[in-house]
Amino acid sequence: MLHDNWQMREEAVGGDDGGKFSQPGFDGKSWYATSVPTTVLGTLVRHGVYPDPYIGTNNMFIPDASLDHNHRFNLDRFSHLPDKSNPWAKPYWFRTEFQIPNNYRDNKVWLHLDGINYRADVWLNGKKITDAKEIAGMFKRFRFEVSAGLKEKGNNALAIRIYPLDHPGDPLHEQLDGLTGGFGPNAGDGEILRNVTDYCAVGWDWIPAVRDRNMGLWQHVWLEASGPVAVRDVAVFTDVNLPSAKEAALTIRCQLDNAAKVGQTVELVGRIKPDGFPGIPIEIHAKIVLSTNKISEIIHSHPISRKI
């Protein structure tokens, strides 16, 4: 898990040289130290750039992602950027350095992004491995096979450029009148609904607007090692024979991710055993042909029935 030893910087201040930021040994002393998961605003609050929005009316001392809303409540003046521009209008960079464990060597290594908001470019050891056209949406998980770009000895460097929402929306209202006041329209002007993101971040009846709309690395970033073929997203679906409930059919579903440069024939072995009740374990053996560099969805074609 790549949790600690991250750094963050505004593109408006630090520039946009992903190739340089993703070089081991890059001097990030002027960057904000942070950990991941985090949002951009969360890191800035921890560094005292902005006040804690959970306390009192501190949210009114933080600029909003909406220019119209900033003008409406004169929030532009609180921007921490030198030119007082909107701090959430341009990307932010996150970077970290790490070493590969010895047991990862000679294996396929995968980089996982479990949650970014809203778009991202990803650089590893000076090379871009994917961009914001492919990496978009708050709730989608992303995974890349990065073995060829890693150094087995010494530090590796990862840099991720996080873009703001395509449509941040306008909150239209601030909840400044207490419990007896109005809460404003849910989702503000509704423009945020054009993204695949956390809609309440623009303001809802139970929450004021989140100023940066939760842009950042809001879920874990981590590495995984596997053989040439990895088993992904295993799920078991049950169909209980009612009303007797004495028998159930099980359907097993998963994905096989072949990262090898050649097609492969593999054997998928599964074992399901009772937990908390007596019964005989069920074993599944299936030979499957996989294409080169392709993810194949496997659904066991003959659901298994077992008396329970």
C-alpha atoms as a PDB file:
ATOM      1  CA  MET A   1       0.000   0.000   0.000  1.00  0.00           C
ATOM      2  CA  LEU A   2       1.488   3.346  -1.048  1.00  0.00           C
ATOM      3  CA  HIS A   3       0.071   5.248   1.915  1.00  0.00           C
ATOM      4  CA  ASP A   4       2.836   7.446   3.321  1.00  0.00           C
ATOM      5  CA  ASN A   5       5.568   9.717   1.954  1.00  0.00           C
ATOM      6  CA  TRP A   6       3.538  11.513  -0.693  1.00  0.00           C
ATOM      7  CA  GLN A   7       3.989  15.108  -1.808  1.00  0.00           C
ATOM      8  CA  MET A   8       1.452  17.458  -3.408  1.00  0.00           C
ATOM      9  CA  ARG A   9       1.823  20.702  -5.357  1.00  0.00           C
ATOM     10  CA  GLU A  10      -0.365  23.083  -7.324  1.00  0.00           C
ATOM     11  CA  GLU A  11       0.279  22.975 -11.055  1.00  0.00           C
ATOM     12  CA  ALA A  12      -0.296  26.731 -11.052  1.00  0.00           C
ATOM     13  CA  VAL A  13       2.811  27.067  -8.854  1.00  0.00           C
ATOM     14  CA  GLY A  14       5.004  24.058  -9.600  1.00  0.00           C
ATOM     15  CA  GLY A  15       4.426  23.595 -13.326  1.00  0.00           C
ATOM     16  CA  ASP A  16       3.340  20.577 -15.333  1.00  0.00           C
ATOM     17  CA  ASP A  17       6.502  18.569 -16.037  1.00  0.00           C
ATOM     18  CA  GLY A  18       5.320  15.060 -15.219  1.00  0.00           C
ATOM     19  CA  GLY A  19       8.468  13.556 -16.643  1.00  0.00           C
ATOM     20  CA  LYS A  20      10.548  15.505 -14.126  1.00  0.00           C
ATOM     21  CA  PHE A  21       8.193  14.999 -11.176  1.00  0.00           C
ATOM     22  CA  SER A  22       8.260  11.238 -11.735  1.00  0.00           C
ATOM     23  CA  GLN A  23      12.056  10.959 -11.595  1.00  0.00           C
ATOM     24  CA  PRO A  24      13.557   9.343  -8.486  1.00  0.00           C
ATOM     25  CA  GLY A  25      15.417  11.944  -6.473  1.00  0.00           C
ATOM     26  CA  PHE A  26      13.282  14.895  -7.630  1.00  0.00           C
ATOM     27  CA  ASP A  27      13.580  17.746  -5.121  1.00  0.00           C
ATOM     28  CA  GLY A  28      10.093  18.107  -3.663  1.00  0.00           C
ATOM     29  CA  LYS A  29      11.044  20.072  -0.564  1.00  0.00           C
ATOM     30  CA  SER A  30       8.730  22.919  -1.560  1.00  0.00           C
ATOM     31  CA  TRP A  31       5.799  20.511  -1.966  1.00  0.00           C
ATOM     32  CA  TYR A  32       3.231  19.718   0.724  1.00  0.00           C
ATOM     33  CA  ALA A  33       3.938  16.473   2.577  1.00  0.00           C
ATOM     34  CA  THR A  34       0.855  14.284   2.743  1.00  0.00           C
ATOM     35  CA  SER A  35      -0.472  10.745   2.814  1.00  0.00           C
ATOM     36  CA  VAL A  36      -2.975   9.000   0.573  1.00  0.00           C
ATOM     37  CA  PRO A  37      -5.989   8.759   0.554  1.00  0.00           C
ATOM     38  CA  THR A  38      -6.511  12.513   0.674  1.00  0.00           C
ATOM     39  CA  THR A  39      -8.252  15.325  -1.121  1.00  0.00           C
ATOM     40  CA  VAL A  40      -6.441  18.453  -2.237  1.00  0.00           C
ATOM     41  CA  LEU A  41      -8.319  20.607   0.253  1.00  0.00           C
ATOM     42  CA  GLY A  42      -7.684  18.088   3.018  1.00  0.00           C
ATOM     43  CA  THR A  43      -3.928  18.375   2.503  1.00  0.00           C
ATOM     44  CA  LEU A  44      -4.049  22.168   2.381  1.00  0.00           C
ATOM     45  CA  VAL A  45      -6.084  22.286   5.596  1.00  0.00           C
ATOM     46  CA  ARG A  46      -3.564  20.053   7.373  1.00  0.00           C
ATOM     47  CA  HIS A  47      -0.821  22.472   6.327  1.00  0.00           C
ATOM     48  CA  GLY A  48      -2.750  25.486   7.608  1.00  0.00           C
ATOM     49  CA  VAL A  49      -3.306  26.998   4.174  1.00  0.00           C
ATOM     50  CA  TYR A  50      -7.064  27.034   4.792  1.00  0.00           C
ATOM     51  CA  PRO A  51      -9.035  26.720   8.034  1.00  0.00           C
ATOM     52  CA  ASP A  52     -10.867  23.534   9.005  1.00  0.00           C
ATOM     53  CA  PRO A  53     -14.222  23.756   7.177  1.00  0.00           C
ATOM     54  CA  TYR A  54     -15.903  21.568   9.816  1.00  0.00           C
ATOM     55  CA  ILE A  55     -15.578  24.313  12.432  1.00  0.00           C
ATOM     56  CA  GLY A  56     -18.022  27.216  12.655  1.00  0.00           C
ATOM     57  CA  THR A  57     -18.276  29.258   9.467  1.00  0.00           C
ATOM     58  CA  ASN A  58     -14.725  28.498   8.339  1.00  0.00           C
ATOM     59  CA  ASN A  59     -16.046  27.326   4.978  1.00  0.00           C
ATOM     60  CA  MET A  60     -16.705  30.976   4.178  1.00  0.00           C
ATOM     61  CA  PHE A  61     -12.956  31.614   4.270  1.00  0.00           C
ATOM     62  CA  ILE A  62     -12.229  29.112   1.494  1.00  0.00           C
ATOM     63  CA  PRO A  63     -12.795  29.867  -2.212  1.00  0.00           C
ATOM     64  CA  ASP A  64     -15.290  27.711  -4.083  1.00  0.00           C
ATOM     65  CA  ALA A  65     -14.776  25.817  -7.336  1.00  0.00           C
ATOM     66  CA  SER A  66     -17.541  27.979  -8.874  1.00  0.00           C
ATOM     67  CA  LEU A  67     -16.436  31.412 -10.093  1.00  0.00           C
ATOM     68  CA  ASP A  68     -19.998  32.722  -9.873  1.00  0.00           C
ATOM     69  CA  HIS A  69     -20.296  31.560  -6.282  1.00  0.00           C
ATOM     70  CA  ASN A  70     -16.995  33.190  -5.381  1.00  0.00           C
ATOM     71  CA  HIS A  71     -18.208  36.489  -6.820  1.00  0.00           C
ATOM     72  CA  ARG A  72     -21.531  36.113  -5.054  1.00  0.00           C
ATOM     73  CA  PHE A  73     -19.913  35.794  -1.605  1.00  0.00           C
ATOM     74  CA  ASN A  74     -16.583  37.551  -2.267  1.00  0.00           C
ATOM     75  CA  LEU A  75     -14.606  34.347  -1.706  1.00  0.00           C
ATOM     76  CA  ASP A  76     -11.950  35.067  -4.349  1.00  0.00           C
ATOM     77  CA  ARG A  77      -9.958  37.102  -1.850  1.00  0.00           C
ATOM     78  CA  PHE A  78      -9.169  33.974   0.186  1.00  0.00           C
ATOM     79  CA  SER A  79      -7.359  32.163  -2.637  1.00  0.00           C
ATOM     80  CA  HIS A  80      -3.892  31.037  -1.553  1.00  0.00           C
ATOM     81  CA  LEU A  81      -2.491  31.328  -5.072  1.00  0.00           C
ATOM     82  CA  PRO A  82      -0.195  34.295  -5.779  1.00  0.00           C
ATOM     83  CA  ASP A  83      -2.536  35.748  -8.426  1.00  0.00           C
ATOM     84  CA  LYS A  84      -5.673  35.063  -6.338  1.00  0.00           C
ATOM     85  CA  SER A  85      -7.083  32.874  -9.109  1.00  0.00           C
ATOM     86  CA  ASN A  86      -9.465  30.019  -8.382  1.00  0.00           C
ATOM     87  CA  PRO A  87      -7.366  27.370  -6.602  1.00  0.00           C
ATOM     88  CA  TRP A  88      -9.562  24.520  -7.877  1.00  0.00           C
ATOM     89  CA  ALA A  89      -9.534  25.435 -11.584  1.00  0.00           C
ATOM     90  CA  LYS A  90      -6.213  23.764 -12.462  1.00  0.00           C
ATOM     91  CA  PRO A  91      -4.706  20.346 -11.708  1.00  0.00           C
ATOM     92  CA  TYR A  92      -2.677  19.323  -8.673  1.00  0.00           C
ATOM     93  CA  TRP A  93       0.270  16.938  -8.695  1.00  0.00           C
ATOM     94  CA  PHE A  94       0.873  14.081  -6.280  1.00  0.00           C
ATOM     95  CA  ARG A  95       4.150  12.191  -6.225  1.00  0.00           C
ATOM     96  CA  THR A  96       5.843   9.494  -4.159  1.00  0.00           C
ATOM     97  CA  GLU A  97       8.875   7.229  -4.286  1.00  0.00           C
ATOM     98  CA  PHE A  98       8.973   3.558  -3.365  1.00  0.00           C
ATOM     99  CA  GLN A  99      11.027   0.402  -3.688  1.00  0.00           C
ATOM    100  CA  ILE A 100       9.907  -2.975  -4.996  1.00  0.00           C
ATOM    101  CA  PRO A 101       9.893  -5.818  -2.437  1.00  0.00           C
ATOM    102  CA  ASN A 102      12.235  -8.680  -3.251  1.00  0.00           C
ATOM    103  CA  ASN A 103       9.334 -11.105  -3.718  1.00  0.00           C
ATOM    104  CA  TYR A 104       7.883  -8.869  -6.489  1.00  0.00           C
ATOM    105  CA  ARG A 105      10.861  -9.497  -8.752  1.00  0.00           C
ATOM    106  CA  ASP A 106      10.300 -11.813 -11.711  1.00  0.00           C
ATOM    107  CA  ASN A 107       6.540 -11.312 -11.292  1.00  0.00           C
ATOM    108  CA  LYS A 108       3.973  -9.141 -12.994  1.00  0.00           C
ATOM    109  CA  VAL A 109       3.484  -5.957 -10.969  1.00  0.00           C
ATOM    110  CA  TRP A 110       0.214  -4.041 -11.038  1.00  0.00           C
ATOM    111  CA  LEU A 111      -0.483  -0.452 -10.017  1.00  0.00           C
ATOM    112  CA  HIS A 112      -3.957   0.067  -8.561  1.00  0.00           C
ATOM    113  CA  LEU A 113      -5.806   3.386  -8.293  1.00  0.00           C
ATOM    114  CA  ASP A 114      -8.882   2.641  -6.222  1.00  0.00           C
ATOM    115  CA  GLY A 115     -10.401   6.124  -6.462  1.00  0.00           C
ATOM    116  CA  ILE A 116      -9.401   9.386  -8.151  1.00  0.00           C
ATOM    117  CA  ASN A 117     -11.454  12.533  -8.559  1.00  0.00           C
ATOM    118  CA  TYR A 118     -11.862  13.583 -11.257  1.00  0.00           C
ATOM    119  CA  ARG A 119      -9.361  12.846 -14.042  1.00  0.00           C
ATOM    120  CA  ALA A 120      -5.706  11.811 -13.936  1.00  0.00           C
ATOM    121  CA  ASP A 121      -2.484  11.533 -15.901  1.00  0.00           C
ATOM    122  CA  VAL A 122      -0.097   8.934 -14.480  1.00  0.00           C
ATOM    123  CA  TRP A 123       3.690   8.977 -14.819  1.00  0.00           C
ATOM    124  CA  LEU A 124       6.146   6.304 -13.664  1.00  0.00           C
ATOM    125  CA  ASN A 125       9.909   6.766 -13.681  1.00  0.00           C
ATOM    126  CA  GLY A 126       9.778   9.562 -16.228  1.00  0.00           C
ATOM    127  CA  LYS A 127       7.255   7.992 -18.614  1.00  0.00           C
ATOM    128  CA  LYS A 128       3.539   8.621 -18.970  1.00  0.00           C
ATOM    129  CA  ILE A 129       1.629   5.349 -18.672  1.00  0.00           C
ATOM    130  CA  THR A 130      -1.928   6.672 -19.074  1.00  0.00           C
ATOM    131  CA  ASP A 131      -3.796   9.958 -19.315  1.00  0.00           C
ATOM    132  CA  ALA A 132      -6.975  11.821 -18.422  1.00  0.00           C
ATOM    133  CA  LYS A 133      -8.824  10.573 -21.490  1.00  0.00           C
ATOM    134  CA  GLU A 134      -8.727   7.074 -20.016  1.00  0.00           C
ATOM    135  CA  ILE A 135      -8.676   7.809 -16.279  1.00  0.00           C
ATOM    136  CA  ALA A 136     -11.883   9.613 -15.329  1.00  0.00           C
ATOM    137  CA  GLY A 137     -14.682   9.246 -12.817  1.00  0.00           C
ATOM    138  CA  MET A 138     -14.732   9.162  -9.051  1.00  0.00           C
ATOM    139  CA  PHE A 139     -16.018   5.642  -8.479  1.00  0.00           C
ATOM    140  CA  LYS A 140     -14.154   3.565 -11.033  1.00  0.00           C
ATOM    141  CA  ARG A 141     -11.100   1.521 -10.026  1.00  0.00           C
ATOM    142  CA  PHE A 142      -8.113   1.513 -12.375  1.00  0.00           C
ATOM    143  CA  ARG A 143      -5.321  -1.032 -12.708  1.00  0.00           C
ATOM    144  CA  PHE A 144      -2.173  -1.099 -14.850  1.00  0.00           C
ATOM    145  CA  GLU A 145       0.508  -3.711 -15.437  1.00  0.00           C
ATOM    146  CA  VAL A 146       3.717  -1.718 -14.893  1.00  0.00           C
ATOM    147  CA  SER A 147       6.432  -4.380 -14.620  1.00  0.00           C
ATOM    148  CA  ALA A 148       8.465  -3.161 -17.585  1.00  0.00           C
ATOM    149  CA  GLY A 149       8.693   0.378 -16.235  1.00  0.00           C
ATOM    150  CA  LEU A 150       9.863  -0.524 -12.723  1.00  0.00           C
ATOM    151  CA  LYS A 151      13.364  -0.627 -11.310  1.00  0.00           C
ATOM    152  CA  GLU A 152      14.074  -3.754  -9.308  1.00  0.00           C
ATOM    153  CA  LYS A 153      16.759  -1.981  -7.283  1.00  0.00           C
ATOM    154  CA  GLY A 154      16.623   1.518  -5.848  1.00  0.00           C
ATOM    155  CA  ASN A 155      13.764   3.982  -5.836  1.00  0.00           C
ATOM    156  CA  ASN A 156      10.875   4.188  -8.259  1.00  0.00           C
ATOM    157  CA  ALA A 157       8.930   7.424  -8.626  1.00  0.00           C
ATOM    158  CA  LEU A 158       5.208   7.811  -9.323  1.00  0.00           C
ATOM    159  CA  ALA A 159       3.555  11.124 -10.231  1.00  0.00           C
ATOM    160  CA  ILE A 160      -0.198  11.587 -10.660  1.00  0.00           C
ATOM    161  CA  ARG A 161      -1.758  14.720 -12.101  1.00  0.00           C
ATOM    162  CA  ILE A 162      -5.261  15.180 -10.707  1.00  0.00           C
ATOM    163  CA  TYR A 163      -7.706  17.308 -12.675  1.00  0.00           C
ATOM    164  CA  PRO A 164     -10.733  19.099 -11.187  1.00  0.00           C
ATOM    165  CA  LEU A 165     -14.274  18.130 -12.077  1.00  0.00           C
ATOM    166  CA  ASP A 166     -15.336  18.799 -15.641  1.00  0.00           C
ATOM    167  CA  HIS A 167     -18.446  20.537 -14.298  1.00  0.00           C
ATOM    168  CA  PRO A 168     -18.018  21.730 -10.682  1.00  0.00           C
ATOM    169  CA  GLY A 169     -21.459  23.329 -10.539  1.00  0.00           C
ATOM    170  CA  ASP A 170     -22.634  26.341  -8.570  1.00  0.00           C
ATOM    171  CA  PRO A 171     -23.910  25.851  -4.979  1.00  0.00           C
ATOM    172  CA  LEU A 172     -26.152  28.961  -5.343  1.00  0.00           C
ATOM    173  CA  HIS A 173     -26.664  29.164  -1.570  1.00  0.00           C
ATOM    174  CA  GLU A 174     -24.784  29.118   1.737  1.00  0.00           C
ATOM    175  CA  GLN A 175     -26.249  27.597   4.884  1.00  0.00           C
ATOM    176  CA  LEU A 176     -25.623  30.584   7.147  1.00  0.00           C
ATOM    177  CA  ASP A 177     -29.026  30.929   8.821  1.00  0.00           C
ATOM    178  CA  GLY A 178     -28.790  28.029  11.262  1.00  0.00           C
ATOM    179  CA  LEU A 179     -31.263  25.199  11.663  1.00  0.00           C
ATOM    180  CA  THR A 180     -34.215  27.495  11.093  1.00  0.00           C
ATOM    181  CA  GLY A 181     -32.830  28.865   7.823  1.00  0.00           C
ATOM    182  CA  GLY A 182     -33.010  27.551   4.306  1.00  0.00           C
ATOM    183  CA  PHE A 183     -30.648  24.828   3.158  1.00  0.00           C
ATOM    184  CA  GLY A 184     -30.646  25.822  -0.489  1.00  0.00           C
ATOM    185  CA  PRO A 185     -31.268  23.576  -3.505  1.00  0.00           C
ATOM    186  CA  ASN A 186     -29.807  20.086  -3.397  1.00  0.00           C
ATOM    187  CA  ALA A 187     -26.962  19.831  -5.958  1.00  0.00           C
ATOM    188  CA  GLY A 188     -26.989  23.606  -6.475  1.00  0.00           C
ATOM    189  CA  ASP A 189     -27.618  24.464 -10.110  1.00  0.00           C
ATOM    190  CA  GLY A 190     -27.470  20.779 -11.057  1.00  0.00           C
ATOM    191  CA  GLU A 191     -24.411  21.066 -13.306  1.00  0.00           C
ATOM    192  CA  ILE A 192     -22.415  18.693 -11.106  1.00  0.00           C
ATOM    193  CA  LEU A 193     -24.775  15.918 -12.212  1.00  0.00           C
ATOM    194  CA  ARG A 194     -22.974  15.941 -15.565  1.00  0.00           C
ATOM    195  CA  ASN A 195     -19.992  14.270 -13.858  1.00  0.00           C
ATOM    196  CA  VAL A 196     -19.695  10.780 -12.391  1.00  0.00           C
ATOM    197  CA  THR A 197     -18.824  12.002  -8.907  1.00  0.00           C
ATOM    198  CA  ASP A 198     -20.130  12.768  -5.423  1.00  0.00           C
ATOM    199  CA  TYR A 199     -23.114  14.979  -6.210  1.00  0.00           C
ATOM    200  CA  CYS A 200     -23.583  16.231  -2.668  1.00  0.00           C
ATOM    201  CA  ALA A 201     -20.127  17.871  -2.815  1.00  0.00           C
ATOM    202  CA  VAL A 202     -21.732  20.959  -4.349  1.00  0.00           C
ATOM    203  CA  GLY A 203     -24.085  21.213  -1.356  1.00  0.00           C
ATOM    204  CA  TRP A 204     -27.109  19.299  -0.107  1.00  0.00           C
ATOM    205  CA  ASP A 205     -29.597  19.813   2.678  1.00  0.00           C
ATOM    206  CA  TRP A 206     -27.249  18.020   5.113  1.00  0.00           C
ATOM    207  CA  ILE A 207     -23.910  19.428   3.945  1.00  0.00           C
ATOM    208  CA  PRO A 208     -22.519  22.748   2.695  1.00  0.00           C
ATOM    209  CA  ALA A 209     -20.513  22.850  -0.518  1.00  0.00           C
ATOM    210  CA  VAL A 210     -17.144  21.094  -0.440  1.00  0.00           C
ATOM    211  CA  ARG A 211     -14.971  23.794  -1.943  1.00  0.00           C
ATOM    212  CA  ASP A 212     -12.676  21.605  -4.070  1.00  0.00           C
ATOM    213  CA  ARG A 213     -15.487  19.090  -4.801  1.00  0.00           C
ATOM    214  CA  ASN A 214     -13.296  16.375  -3.233  1.00  0.00           C
ATOM    215  CA  MET A 215     -10.703  16.431  -5.992  1.00  0.00           C
ATOM    216  CA  GLY A 216      -7.726  14.231  -5.165  1.00  0.00           C
ATOM    217  CA  LEU A 217      -6.674  10.646  -4.521  1.00  0.00           C
ATOM    218  CA  TRP A 218      -9.620   9.801  -2.320  1.00  0.00           C
ATOM    219  CA  GLN A 219      -8.984   6.041  -2.198  1.00  0.00           C
ATOM    220  CA  HIS A 220      -5.893   3.865  -1.889  1.00  0.00           C
ATOM    221  CA  VAL A 221      -2.998   3.626  -4.320  1.00  0.00           C
ATOM    222  CA  TRP A 222      -1.233   0.262  -4.105  1.00  0.00           C
ATOM    223  CA  LEU A 223       0.955  -2.300  -5.807  1.00  0.00           C
ATOM    224  CA  GLU A 224       0.318  -5.993  -6.347  1.00  0.00           C
ATOM    225  CA  ALA A 225       2.454  -8.812  -7.693  1.00  0.00           C
ATOM    226  CA  SER A 226       1.066 -11.834  -9.540  1.00  0.00           C
ATOM    227  CA  GLY A 227       2.022 -14.521 -12.001  1.00  0.00           C
ATOM    228  CA  PRO A 228       1.337 -14.060 -15.729  1.00  0.00           C
ATOM    229  CA  VAL A 229      -2.385 -14.566 -15.102  1.00  0.00           C
ATOM    230  CA  ALA A 230      -4.247 -12.885 -12.245  1.00  0.00           C
ATOM    231  CA  VAL A 231      -7.697 -13.816 -10.931  1.00  0.00           C
ATOM    232  CA  ARG A 232      -9.896 -10.746 -10.427  1.00  0.00           C
ATOM    233  CA  ASP A 233     -13.246  -9.839  -8.884  1.00  0.00           C
ATOM    234  CA  VAL A 234     -14.457 -13.276  -7.833  1.00  0.00           C
ATOM    235  CA  ALA A 235     -18.166 -13.422  -7.025  1.00  0.00           C
ATOM    236  CA  VAL A 236     -20.508 -16.293  -6.163  1.00  0.00           C
ATOM    237  CA  PHE A 237     -24.232 -16.011  -6.867  1.00  0.00           C
ATOM    238  CA  THR A 238     -26.755 -18.199  -5.079  1.00  0.00           C
ATOM    239  CA  ASP A 239     -30.144 -19.356  -6.245  1.00  0.00           C
ATOM    240  CA  VAL A 240     -31.899 -21.024  -3.306  1.00  0.00           C
ATOM    241  CA  ASN A 241     -34.619 -23.518  -4.143  1.00  0.00           C
ATOM    242  CA  LEU A 242     -37.684 -22.118  -2.377  1.00  0.00           C
ATOM    243  CA  PRO A 243     -39.846 -22.740  -0.473  1.00  0.00           C
ATOM    244  CA  SER A 244     -37.982 -25.808   0.795  1.00  0.00           C
ATOM    245  CA  ALA A 245     -34.634 -23.985   1.107  1.00  0.00           C
ATOM    246  CA  LYS A 246     -32.922 -27.381   1.215  1.00  0.00           C
ATOM    247  CA  GLU A 247     -30.972 -26.957  -1.989  1.00  0.00           C
ATOM    248  CA  ALA A 248     -29.073 -24.095  -3.627  1.00  0.00           C
ATOM    249  CA  ALA A 249     -27.403 -23.565  -7.011  1.00  0.00           C
ATOM    250  CA  LEU A 250     -24.122 -21.657  -7.068  1.00  0.00           C
ATOM    251  CA  THR A 251     -22.757 -19.750 -10.052  1.00  0.00           C
ATOM    252  CA  ILE A 252     -19.133 -18.602  -9.920  1.00  0.00           C
ATOM    253  CA  ARG A 253     -18.041 -15.543 -11.842  1.00  0.00           C
ATOM    254  CA  CYS A 254     -14.580 -13.949 -12.144  1.00  0.00           C
ATOM    255  CA  GLN A 255     -12.151 -12.279 -14.514  1.00  0.00           C
ATOM    256  CA  LEU A 256      -8.808 -13.691 -15.651  1.00  0.00           C
ATOM    257  CA  ASP A 257      -6.248 -11.025 -16.549  1.00  0.00           C
ATOM    258  CA  ASN A 258      -3.558 -12.382 -18.864  1.00  0.00           C
ATOM    259  CA  ALA A 259      -0.558 -10.026 -18.819  1.00  0.00           C
ATOM    260  CA  ALA A 260       1.674 -12.403 -20.769  1.00  0.00           C
ATOM    261  CA  LYS A 261       2.820 -11.654 -24.301  1.00  0.00           C
ATOM    262  CA  VAL A 262       1.388 -14.967 -25.491  1.00  0.00           C
ATOM    263  CA  GLY A 263      -1.949 -16.712 -25.208  1.00  0.00           C
ATOM    264  CA  GLN A 264      -2.226 -19.248 -22.432  1.00  0.00           C
ATOM    265  CA  THR A 265      -4.245 -22.280 -21.449  1.00  0.00           C
ATOM    266  CA  VAL A 266      -4.809 -22.272 -17.711  1.00  0.00           C
ATOM    267  CA  GLU A 267      -6.701 -24.311 -15.179  1.00  0.00           C
ATOM    268  CA  LEU A 268      -9.015 -22.405 -12.870  1.00  0.00           C
ATOM    269  CA  VAL A 269      -9.404 -24.157  -9.535  1.00  0.00           C
ATOM    270  CA  GLY A 270     -11.981 -23.088  -6.982  1.00  0.00           C
ATOM    271  CA  ARG A 271     -13.046 -24.479  -3.630  1.00  0.00           C
ATOM    272  CA  ILE A 272     -16.150 -23.553  -1.661  1.00  0.00           C
ATOM    273  CA  LYS A 273     -16.543 -24.968   1.818  1.00  0.00           C
ATOM    274  CA  PRO A 274     -19.278 -24.634   4.459  1.00  0.00           C
ATOM    275  CA  ASP A 275     -18.830 -21.979   7.113  1.00  0.00           C
ATOM    276  CA  GLY A 276     -20.846 -22.491  10.280  1.00  0.00           C
ATOM    277  CA  PHE A 277     -22.752 -25.566   9.141  1.00  0.00           C
ATOM    278  CA  PRO A 278     -21.860 -29.148   8.164  1.00  0.00           C
ATOM    279  CA  GLY A 279     -21.381 -30.035   4.537  1.00  0.00           C
ATOM    280  CA  ILE A 280     -19.026 -31.302   1.865  1.00  0.00           C
ATOM    281  CA  PRO A 281     -16.662 -28.797   0.180  1.00  0.00           C
ATOM    282  CA  ILE A 282     -17.298 -28.124  -3.510  1.00  0.00           C
ATOM    283  CA  GLU A 283     -14.358 -28.076  -5.913  1.00  0.00           C
ATOM    284  CA  ILE A 284     -14.333 -26.636  -9.421  1.00  0.00           C
ATOM    285  CA  HIS A 285     -11.769 -27.354 -12.128  1.00  0.00           C
ATOM    286  CA  ALA A 286     -12.012 -25.652 -15.509  1.00  0.00           C
ATOM    287  CA  LYS A 287      -9.486 -25.352 -18.344  1.00  0.00           C
ATOM    288  CA  ILE A 288      -9.644 -21.977 -20.080  1.00  0.00           C
ATOM    289  CA  VAL A 289      -7.880 -20.563 -23.155  1.00  0.00           C
ATOM    290  CA  LEU A 290      -6.802 -16.920 -22.722  1.00  0.00           C
ATOM    291  CA  SER A 291      -5.832 -14.461 -25.425  1.00  0.00           C
ATOM    292  CA  THR A 292      -2.712 -12.288 -25.227  1.00  0.00           C
ATOM    293  CA  ASN A 293      -2.901  -9.230 -22.966  1.00  0.00           C
ATOM    294  CA  LYS A 294      -6.619  -9.555 -22.468  1.00  0.00           C
ATOM    295  CA  ILE A 295      -9.094  -9.701 -19.603  1.00  0.00           C
ATOM    296  CA  SER A 296     -11.558 -12.583 -19.955  1.00  0.00           C
ATOM    297  CA  GLU A 297     -14.754 -12.855 -17.947  1.00  0.00           C
ATOM    298  CA  ILE A 298     -15.443 -16.400 -16.782  1.00  0.00           C
ATOM    299  CA  ILE A 299     -18.897 -17.567 -15.748  1.00  0.00           C
ATOM    300  CA  HIS A 300     -19.059 -21.211 -14.692  1.00  0.00           C
ATOM    301  CA  SER A 301     -21.450 -22.686 -17.225  1.00  0.00           C
ATOM    302  CA  HIS A 302     -22.923 -25.355 -14.973  1.00  0.00           C
ATOM    303  CA  PRO A 303     -24.159 -23.981 -11.645  1.00  0.00           C
ATOM    304  CA  ILE A 304     -23.421 -26.400  -8.819  1.00  0.00           C
ATOM    305  CA  SER A 305     -26.194 -27.737  -6.663  1.00  0.00           C
ATOM    306  CA  ARG A 306     -25.590 -29.077  -3.197  1.00  0.00           C
ATOM    307  CA  LYS A 307     -28.038 -30.005  -0.489  1.00  0.00           C
ATOM    308  CA  ILE A 308     -27.769 -27.758   2.547  1.00  0.00           C
END
